[in-house]
Amino acid sequence: MNYIIGDVQGCADAFDRLLAAIDFSPSRDRMVVLGDLVNRGPQNLATLRRLRELGDAATCLLGNHDLHLLAVAHGVRPLHAGDTVKDILDAPDRDAWIAWLREHRLAVHDQGWLMVHAGVVPQWDLHTTLRLAGEVEQHLRGDDMRDFLRVMYGNQPARWDETLTGNDRLRFAVNVLTRIRFVEPDGTLELNLKEGAGAAPAGHLPWFEAPGRKTQGVPIAFGHWSTLGLLNRPDLLSLDTGCVWGGKLSAARIDGGRRDVIQVSCDGVRRPI
């Protein structure tokens, strides 16, 4: 059986309860975890250990919090007040964990589903999304990773152009794959607002409602947007259901012609936003 799982964010106990709820077996089943593996939750190192124990049965995407951990670990960014990843940073084998994170992906296409942490812009089709994710992954795994992390942050450029090159191209790809929520109809990014879909600023809309979206008809699963909550449409799955904010941790089964959504409580874990 194949599952997609929303943002875990260091909630290892809830993750274990979810695995029990779906009776997950690494010898039989497969999962894709949609990024934000760590941060804000209480058990970040334990979460990474659990995921690594699953071996090839678990494909982990990178989200904005995971990239933030990489930047902090390499001295590019400071810890923020709400960060809870010191258990990883203080671990005697921290370098091995950081190296393990660097090997993960930003987008996959499997079982007919495109899976990303945050979303896509309307100008990208499936092939373009995977190609740009691969470009970022190459830099995360390369010798120039620290230089890349230094230029990764920022909100510009705000609109896709195939002629973008260098740092601008990579930064835009990271922002789309790990941060996007709202866009203008032409795909211009709005990266500051974190509220739900009903709070779209004038002239903006959720990225998946953008007119002329080239991934229309390609089933897409994403996390990242806890204030949006669960969406379960034939070609759209939003699975960040706010575990770390006291909500639920969600999994969706996507094979055998079925679409089962399974959720477990996160025991009221709450961290300041």
Protein backbone atom coordinates (compact mmCIF):
# COMPACT_ATOMS: atom_id res chain seq x y z
CA MET A 1 0.00 0.00 0.00
CA ASN A 2 1.12 3.54 -0.74
CA TYR A 3 0.60 6.48 1.59
CA ILE A 4 1.26 10.21 1.59
CA ILE A 5 1.85 11.80 4.99
CA GLY A 6 1.62 15.46 5.97
CA ASP A 7 4.00 17.65 7.96
CA VAL A 8 5.41 15.76 10.97
CA GLN A 9 7.51 18.66 12.35
CA GLY A 10 9.22 16.70 15.07
CA CYS A 11 6.07 15.06 16.49
CA ALA A 12 7.57 11.57 16.72
CA ASP A 13 4.94 10.13 19.06
CA ALA A 14 2.12 11.19 16.76
CA PHE A 15 4.02 9.75 13.80
CA ASP A 16 4.33 6.41 15.59
CA ARG A 17 0.60 6.45 16.34
CA LEU A 18 -0.13 7.15 12.69
CA LEU A 19 2.05 4.25 11.56
CA ALA A 20 0.15 2.01 13.96
CA ALA A 21 -3.20 3.33 12.74
CA ILE A 22 -2.40 2.42 9.12
CA ASP A 23 -0.61 -0.80 10.15
CA PHE A 24 2.43 0.32 8.17
CA SER A 25 4.94 -2.40 7.29
CA PRO A 26 8.28 -1.39 5.68
CA SER A 27 8.44 -4.76 3.97
CA ARG A 28 5.07 -4.26 2.31
CA ASP A 29 4.14 -0.57 2.24
CA ARG A 30 5.60 2.69 0.98
CA MET A 31 5.14 6.30 2.05
CA VAL A 32 6.08 9.79 0.94
CA VAL A 33 6.39 12.38 3.73
CA LEU A 34 5.64 15.85 2.37
CA GLY A 35 8.43 17.81 4.03
CA ASP A 36 8.85 19.78 7.25
CA LEU A 37 10.10 16.63 8.91
CA VAL A 38 11.40 18.71 11.82
CA ASN A 39 11.06 21.89 13.85
CA ARG A 40 8.48 23.38 16.22
CA GLY A 41 7.68 19.94 17.61
CA PRO A 42 9.30 18.32 20.67
CA GLN A 43 11.04 15.22 19.24
CA ASN A 44 13.03 16.17 16.19
CA LEU A 45 15.98 13.81 16.49
CA ALA A 46 13.63 10.94 17.32
CA THR A 47 11.59 11.78 14.21
CA LEU A 48 14.64 11.58 11.96
CA ARG A 49 15.68 8.31 13.55
CA ARG A 50 12.24 6.84 13.00
CA LEU A 51 12.18 7.91 9.36
CA ARG A 52 15.66 6.56 8.69
CA GLU A 53 14.72 3.24 10.28
CA LEU A 54 12.04 2.84 7.61
CA GLY A 55 14.75 2.74 4.94
CA ASP A 56 13.57 2.67 1.35
CA ALA A 57 9.96 2.39 2.52
CA ALA A 58 9.94 6.13 3.29
CA THR A 59 10.65 8.88 0.77
CA CYS A 60 11.11 12.18 2.57
CA LEU A 61 10.72 15.54 0.86
CA LEU A 62 12.38 18.69 2.16
CA GLY A 63 10.28 21.60 3.40
CA ASN A 64 11.17 25.11 4.46
CA HIS A 65 11.87 24.03 8.05
CA ASP A 66 14.24 21.30 6.88
CA LEU A 67 16.13 23.77 4.69
CA HIS A 68 16.26 26.14 7.66
CA LEU A 69 17.91 23.40 9.72
CA LEU A 70 20.53 22.92 7.00
CA ALA A 71 21.22 26.66 6.95
CA VAL A 72 21.54 26.84 10.74
CA ALA A 73 23.80 23.79 10.86
CA HIS A 74 26.16 25.42 8.37
CA GLY A 75 26.26 28.79 10.12
CA VAL A 76 24.28 30.58 7.44
CA ARG A 77 21.21 31.43 9.56
CA PRO A 78 20.64 31.83 13.32
CA LEU A 79 18.20 29.79 15.34
CA HIS A 80 14.83 31.50 15.70
CA ALA A 81 12.96 31.85 18.97
CA GLY A 82 10.46 29.12 18.09
CA ASP A 83 12.97 26.59 16.71
CA THR A 84 13.18 23.24 18.50
CA VAL A 85 15.97 21.52 16.56
CA LYS A 86 18.76 21.80 19.15
CA ASP A 87 18.43 18.09 19.88
CA ILE A 88 19.68 17.49 16.33
CA LEU A 89 22.31 20.23 16.41
CA ASP A 90 23.66 18.99 19.76
CA ALA A 91 23.69 15.31 18.80
CA PRO A 92 27.16 13.73 18.64
CA ASP A 93 26.30 12.42 15.18
CA ARG A 94 24.76 15.68 13.94
CA ASP A 95 26.97 15.75 10.84
CA ALA A 96 25.58 12.39 9.75
CA TRP A 97 22.02 13.64 10.18
CA ILE A 98 22.71 16.81 8.20
CA ALA A 99 24.31 14.73 5.45
CA TRP A 100 21.26 12.43 5.47
CA LEU A 101 18.89 15.38 5.06
CA ARG A 102 20.89 16.75 2.12
CA GLU A 103 20.16 13.62 0.11
CA HIS A 104 16.39 14.06 0.10
CA ARG A 105 14.26 15.49 -2.66
CA LEU A 106 11.98 18.46 -3.19
CA ALA A 107 9.49 16.82 -5.57
CA VAL A 108 8.56 13.32 -6.65
CA HIS A 109 6.06 11.84 -9.08
CA ASP A 110 4.80 8.42 -8.06
CA GLN A 111 1.55 6.45 -8.23
CA GLY A 112 0.29 9.15 -10.59
CA TRP A 113 0.75 11.90 -7.98
CA LEU A 114 3.06 14.92 -8.06
CA MET A 115 4.18 15.46 -4.46
CA VAL A 116 5.77 18.68 -3.20
CA HIS A 117 5.99 20.43 0.13
CA ALA A 118 4.17 23.65 -0.80
CA GLY A 119 2.96 23.85 -4.41
CA VAL A 120 3.68 24.98 -7.97
CA VAL A 121 3.22 28.11 -10.05
CA PRO A 122 0.80 28.07 -13.00
CA GLN A 123 3.62 28.27 -15.59
CA TRP A 124 5.16 24.96 -14.49
CA ASP A 125 4.05 21.64 -15.88
CA LEU A 126 4.99 18.31 -14.33
CA HIS A 127 8.27 18.03 -16.22
CA THR A 128 9.35 21.57 -15.33
CA THR A 129 8.54 21.06 -11.66
CA LEU A 130 10.64 17.91 -11.44
CA ARG A 131 13.46 19.48 -13.46
CA LEU A 132 13.70 22.56 -11.23
CA ALA A 133 13.47 20.47 -8.06
CA GLY A 134 16.37 18.44 -9.42
CA GLU A 135 18.44 21.56 -10.00
CA VAL A 136 18.01 22.60 -6.36
CA GLU A 137 18.72 19.07 -5.13
CA GLN A 138 21.98 19.04 -7.08
CA HIS A 139 23.19 22.14 -5.24
CA LEU A 140 22.09 20.83 -1.85
CA ARG A 141 24.20 17.72 -2.44
CA GLY A 142 27.14 19.49 -4.05
CA ASP A 143 30.35 21.03 -2.81
CA ASP A 144 28.83 24.50 -3.20
CA MET A 145 25.96 23.81 -0.78
CA ARG A 146 26.99 26.45 1.77
CA ASP A 147 27.27 29.10 -0.92
CA PHE A 148 23.85 28.08 -2.17
CA LEU A 149 22.32 28.31 1.31
CA ARG A 150 23.68 31.86 1.67
CA VAL A 151 21.77 33.05 -1.40
CA MET A 152 18.68 30.88 -0.94
CA TYR A 153 16.71 33.40 1.12
CA GLY A 154 14.66 36.30 -0.22
CA ASN A 155 11.36 36.93 -1.99
CA GLN A 156 12.73 38.03 -5.36
CA PRO A 157 12.23 37.30 -8.17
CA ALA A 158 8.51 37.02 -7.60
CA ARG A 159 7.45 35.73 -11.03
CA TRP A 160 8.69 32.84 -13.11
CA ASP A 161 10.60 33.39 -16.32
CA GLU A 162 12.30 30.51 -18.11
CA THR A 163 15.26 32.80 -18.78
CA LEU A 164 16.03 33.08 -15.06
CA THR A 165 19.51 31.80 -14.31
CA GLY A 166 21.85 31.31 -11.39
CA ASN A 167 20.81 32.28 -7.88
CA ASP A 168 17.58 33.93 -9.01
CA ARG A 169 16.41 30.75 -10.70
CA LEU A 170 17.30 28.55 -7.72
CA ARG A 171 15.79 30.94 -5.16
CA PHE A 172 12.53 31.12 -7.08
CA ALA A 173 12.35 27.34 -7.30
CA VAL A 174 12.93 26.98 -3.54
CA ASN A 175 10.27 29.58 -2.77
CA VAL A 176 7.70 27.82 -4.92
CA LEU A 177 8.44 24.29 -3.79
CA THR A 178 8.70 25.08 -0.06
CA ARG A 179 6.88 28.38 0.64
CA ILE A 180 4.12 29.16 -1.87
CA ARG A 181 0.53 29.73 -0.74
CA PHE A 182 -0.99 32.65 -2.62
CA VAL A 183 -0.32 33.98 -6.13
CA GLU A 184 -1.67 36.64 -8.43
CA PRO A 185 -3.44 35.26 -11.52
CA ASP A 186 -0.20 35.58 -13.51
CA GLY A 187 1.68 33.49 -10.95
CA THR A 188 3.38 36.34 -9.07
CA LEU A 189 4.17 35.05 -5.58
CA GLU A 190 2.79 36.46 -2.33
CA LEU A 191 5.05 34.92 0.32
CA ASN A 192 4.15 36.78 3.51
CA LEU A 193 0.57 35.75 4.25
CA LYS A 194 0.06 32.52 6.24
CA GLU A 195 -3.69 32.55 6.79
CA GLY A 196 -6.22 30.23 5.17
CA ALA A 197 -7.57 30.44 1.64
CA GLY A 198 -10.38 32.79 2.65
CA ALA A 199 -7.85 35.44 3.66
CA ALA A 200 -6.43 35.92 0.17
CA PRO A 201 -5.40 39.55 -0.42
CA ALA A 202 -7.25 41.46 -3.11
CA GLY A 203 -6.16 40.22 -6.51
CA HIS A 204 -4.66 36.99 -5.14
CA LEU A 205 -5.82 33.39 -4.92
CA PRO A 206 -4.48 30.04 -3.70
CA TRP A 207 -1.81 28.72 -6.05
CA PHE A 208 -3.94 25.71 -7.01
CA GLU A 209 -6.78 27.99 -8.18
CA ALA A 210 -4.61 29.99 -10.57
CA PRO A 211 -6.14 30.15 -14.06
CA GLY A 212 -4.34 28.24 -16.79
CA ARG A 213 -2.29 26.18 -14.35
CA LYS A 214 -0.23 23.78 -16.48
CA THR A 215 -0.42 21.05 -13.86
CA GLN A 216 -4.22 21.05 -14.08
CA GLY A 217 -5.25 17.41 -14.31
CA VAL A 218 -2.07 16.17 -12.63
CA PRO A 219 -2.97 15.00 -9.12
CA ILE A 220 -0.91 17.02 -6.62
CA ALA A 221 -0.33 16.37 -2.93
CA PHE A 222 1.20 19.04 -0.70
CA GLY A 223 1.61 20.09 2.92
CA HIS A 224 2.94 23.36 4.36
CA TRP A 225 -0.39 25.19 4.69
CA SER A 226 -1.75 24.27 8.12
CA THR A 227 -4.31 27.09 8.11
CA LEU A 228 -5.76 25.63 4.91
CA GLY A 229 -6.22 22.24 6.50
CA LEU A 230 -7.34 19.06 4.82
CA LEU A 231 -8.39 19.21 1.18
CA ASN A 232 -9.36 15.92 -0.40
CA ARG A 233 -10.26 16.43 -4.05
CA PRO A 234 -9.83 13.97 -6.91
CA ASP A 235 -6.67 15.72 -8.09
CA LEU A 236 -5.65 17.70 -4.99
CA LEU A 237 -4.58 16.61 -1.50
CA SER A 238 -3.62 19.12 1.18
CA LEU A 239 -2.30 17.16 4.16
CA ASP A 240 -0.80 19.63 6.63
CA THR A 241 -3.51 19.43 9.29
CA GLY A 242 -1.58 21.30 11.97
CA CYS A 243 -0.23 18.49 14.10
CA VAL A 244 2.34 20.71 15.76
CA TRP A 245 -0.33 23.33 16.52
CA GLY A 246 -2.56 20.87 18.34
CA GLY A 247 -4.34 19.54 15.26
CA LYS A 248 -3.92 16.14 13.63
CA LEU A 249 -1.32 14.23 11.67
CA SER A 250 -2.76 12.93 8.41
CA ALA A 251 -2.03 10.16 5.95
CA ALA A 252 -3.77 9.41 2.66
CA ARG A 253 -3.75 6.03 0.98
CA ILE A 254 -3.50 6.54 -2.78
CA ASP A 255 -3.46 3.13 -4.39
CA GLY A 256 -5.89 0.41 -5.37
CA GLY A 257 -8.48 2.91 -6.54
CA ARG A 258 -8.96 4.06 -2.96
CA ARG A 259 -8.57 7.41 -1.23
CA ASP A 260 -8.61 6.78 2.49
CA VAL A 261 -7.54 9.60 4.82
CA ILE A 262 -6.39 8.50 8.26
CA GLN A 263 -5.71 10.96 11.07
CA VAL A 264 -4.37 10.77 14.61
CA SER A 265 -4.49 13.32 17.39
CA CYS A 266 -1.34 15.19 18.31
CA ASP A 267 -2.23 15.53 22.00
CA GLY A 268 -2.49 19.28 21.96
CA VAL A 269 1.15 19.96 21.10
CA ARG A 270 1.37 23.69 20.62
CA ARG A 271 4.33 25.94 19.95
CA PRO A 272 4.40 29.70 19.45
CA ILE A 273 4.19 30.60 15.76
